[in-house]
C-alpha atoms as a PDB file:
ATOM      1  CA  MET A   1     118.686  64.393  54.641  1.00  0.00           C
ATOM      2  CA  GLU A   2     117.071  60.571  54.006  1.00  0.00           C
ATOM      3  CA  ARG A   3     120.120  60.663  51.717  1.00  0.00           C
ATOM      4  CA  ASP A   4     122.300  61.261  54.136  1.00  0.00           C
ATOM      5  CA  LEU A   5     121.191  59.437  56.552  1.00  0.00           C
ATOM      6  CA  ALA A   6     121.505  56.477  54.542  1.00  0.00           C
ATOM      7  CA  GLN A   7     125.219  57.230  53.389  1.00  0.00           C
ATOM      8  CA  VAL A   8     125.481  57.056  57.506  1.00  0.00           C
ATOM      9  CA  MET A   9     123.506  54.231  58.034  1.00  0.00           C
ATOM     10  CA  ALA A  10     125.749  52.557  55.542  1.00  0.00           C
ATOM     11  CA  GLU A  11     129.473  52.934  56.740  1.00  0.00           C
ATOM     12  CA  ARG A  12     127.994  51.822  60.260  1.00  0.00           C
ATOM     13  CA  TRP A  13     125.945  49.002  58.678  1.00  0.00           C
ATOM     14  CA  PRO A  14     128.131  47.871  55.352  1.00  0.00           C
ATOM     15  CA  ASP A  15     126.875  44.561  55.165  1.00  0.00           C
ATOM     16  CA  ARG A  16     123.105  45.930  54.781  1.00  0.00           C
ATOM     17  CA  ALA A  17     121.730  46.512  51.572  1.00  0.00           C
ATOM     18  CA  ALA A  18     121.584  49.528  49.815  1.00  0.00           C
ATOM     19  CA  GLU A  19     117.717  49.634  49.362  1.00  0.00           C
ATOM     20  CA  GLU A  20     117.051  48.612  52.911  1.00  0.00           C
ATOM     21  CA  LEU A  21     118.996  51.399  54.662  1.00  0.00           C
ATOM     22  CA  ARG A  22     117.536  54.131  52.171  1.00  0.00           C
ATOM     23  CA  VAL A  23     113.810  52.976  53.149  1.00  0.00           C
ATOM     24  CA  ALA A  24     115.374  52.596  57.013  1.00  0.00           C
ATOM     25  CA  ALA A  25     116.238  56.654  56.951  1.00  0.00           C
ATOM     26  CA  MET A  26     113.230  57.358  54.916  1.00  0.00           C
ATOM     27  CA  LEU A  27     110.984  56.577  58.057  1.00  0.00           C
ATOM     28  CA  ALA A  28     113.276  58.080  60.571  1.00  0.00           C
ATOM     29  CA  ILE A  29     113.526  61.342  58.604  1.00  0.00           C
ATOM     30  CA  GLY A  30     109.499  60.703  58.265  1.00  0.00           C
ATOM     31  CA  ALA A  31     109.071  60.330  62.073  1.00  0.00           C
ATOM     32  CA  LEU A  32     111.108  63.014  62.787  1.00  0.00           C
ATOM     33  CA  ARG A  33     109.112  65.450  60.825  1.00  0.00           C
ATOM     34  CA  LEU A  34     106.072  64.365  62.124  1.00  0.00           C
ATOM     35  CA  ALA A  35     106.989  64.217  65.668  1.00  0.00           C
ATOM     36  CA  GLN A  36     108.706  67.999  64.774  1.00  0.00           C
ATOM     37  CA  GLU A  37     105.145  69.065  63.616  1.00  0.00           C
ATOM     38  CA  ASP A  38     103.415  67.409  66.802  1.00  0.00           C
ATOM     39  CA  TRP A  39     106.341  69.390  68.795  1.00  0.00           C
ATOM     40  CA  ARG A  40     105.634  72.591  67.728  1.00  0.00           C
ATOM     41  CA  GLN A  41     101.448  72.599  67.780  1.00  0.00           C
ATOM     42  CA  ASP A  42     102.182  71.011  71.699  1.00  0.00           C
ATOM     43  CA  HIS A  43     104.000  74.022  71.805  1.00  0.00           C
ATOM     44  CA  ALA A  44     101.385  76.623  70.157  1.00  0.00           C
ATOM     45  CA  ALA A  45      98.666  75.344  72.646  1.00  0.00           C
ATOM     46  CA  HIS A  46     101.050  75.139  75.636  1.00  0.00           C
ATOM     47  CA  PRO A  47     104.084  76.990  75.697  1.00  0.00           C
ATOM     48  CA  HIS A  48     104.778  76.522  78.901  1.00  0.00           C
ATOM     49  CA  ALA A  49     103.917  72.851  79.129  1.00  0.00           C
ATOM     50  CA  ALA A  50     104.745  71.170  76.242  1.00  0.00           C
ATOM     51  CA  ARG A  51     106.620  67.773  75.742  1.00  0.00           C
ATOM     52  CA  PRO A  52     109.875  67.715  74.434  1.00  0.00           C
ATOM     53  CA  LEU A  53     110.865  66.887  71.274  1.00  0.00           C
ATOM     54  CA  ALA A  54     112.261  63.734  72.295  1.00  0.00           C
ATOM     55  CA  GLU A  55     108.673  62.948  73.896  1.00  0.00           C
ATOM     56  CA  HIS A  56     107.208  63.093  70.426  1.00  0.00           C
ATOM     57  CA  LEU A  57     109.955  61.369  68.546  1.00  0.00           C
ATOM     58  CA  ARG A  58     109.389  58.923  71.006  1.00  0.00           C
ATOM     59  CA  ALA A  59     105.237  58.578  70.925  1.00  0.00           C
ATOM     60  CA  THR A  60     105.912  58.606  66.783  1.00  0.00           C
ATOM     61  CA  PHE A  61     108.150  55.555  66.634  1.00  0.00           C
ATOM     62  CA  ALA A  62     106.195  53.800  68.650  1.00  0.00           C
ATOM     63  CA  LEU A  63     103.312  54.469  66.675  1.00  0.00           C
ATOM     64  CA  LEU A  64     105.612  53.043  63.260  1.00  0.00           C
ATOM     65  CA  ASP A  65     106.386  50.420  65.610  1.00  0.00           C
ATOM     66  CA  ARG A  66     102.617  49.314  65.830  1.00  0.00           C
ATOM     67  CA  GLN A  67     101.768  50.128  61.960  1.00  0.00           C
ATOM     68  CA  VAL A  68     105.245  48.559  60.230  1.00  0.00           C
ATOM     69  CA  PRO A  69     106.089  44.434  60.836  1.00  0.00           C
ATOM     70  CA  PRO A  70     109.444  43.731  61.721  1.00  0.00           C
ATOM     71  CA  ALA A  71     112.115  42.593  59.275  1.00  0.00           C
ATOM     72  CA  ALA A  72     111.980  39.487  59.230  1.00  0.00           C
END
């Protein structure tokens, strides 16, 4: 998945270094996997009141933003 996303990103941003795009793709797919895990646990605990996956994904990316400094 990471490789596929990095290839699509390279088409969108051809001036970016391949290494940079691979790392960004890795972080994005990792965030998606963590969000899915949280969503599944939320859904199992609260099947009728679970938050949408998109909310879990936003929360995961917010956590990532706090952990990884912005690129210069």
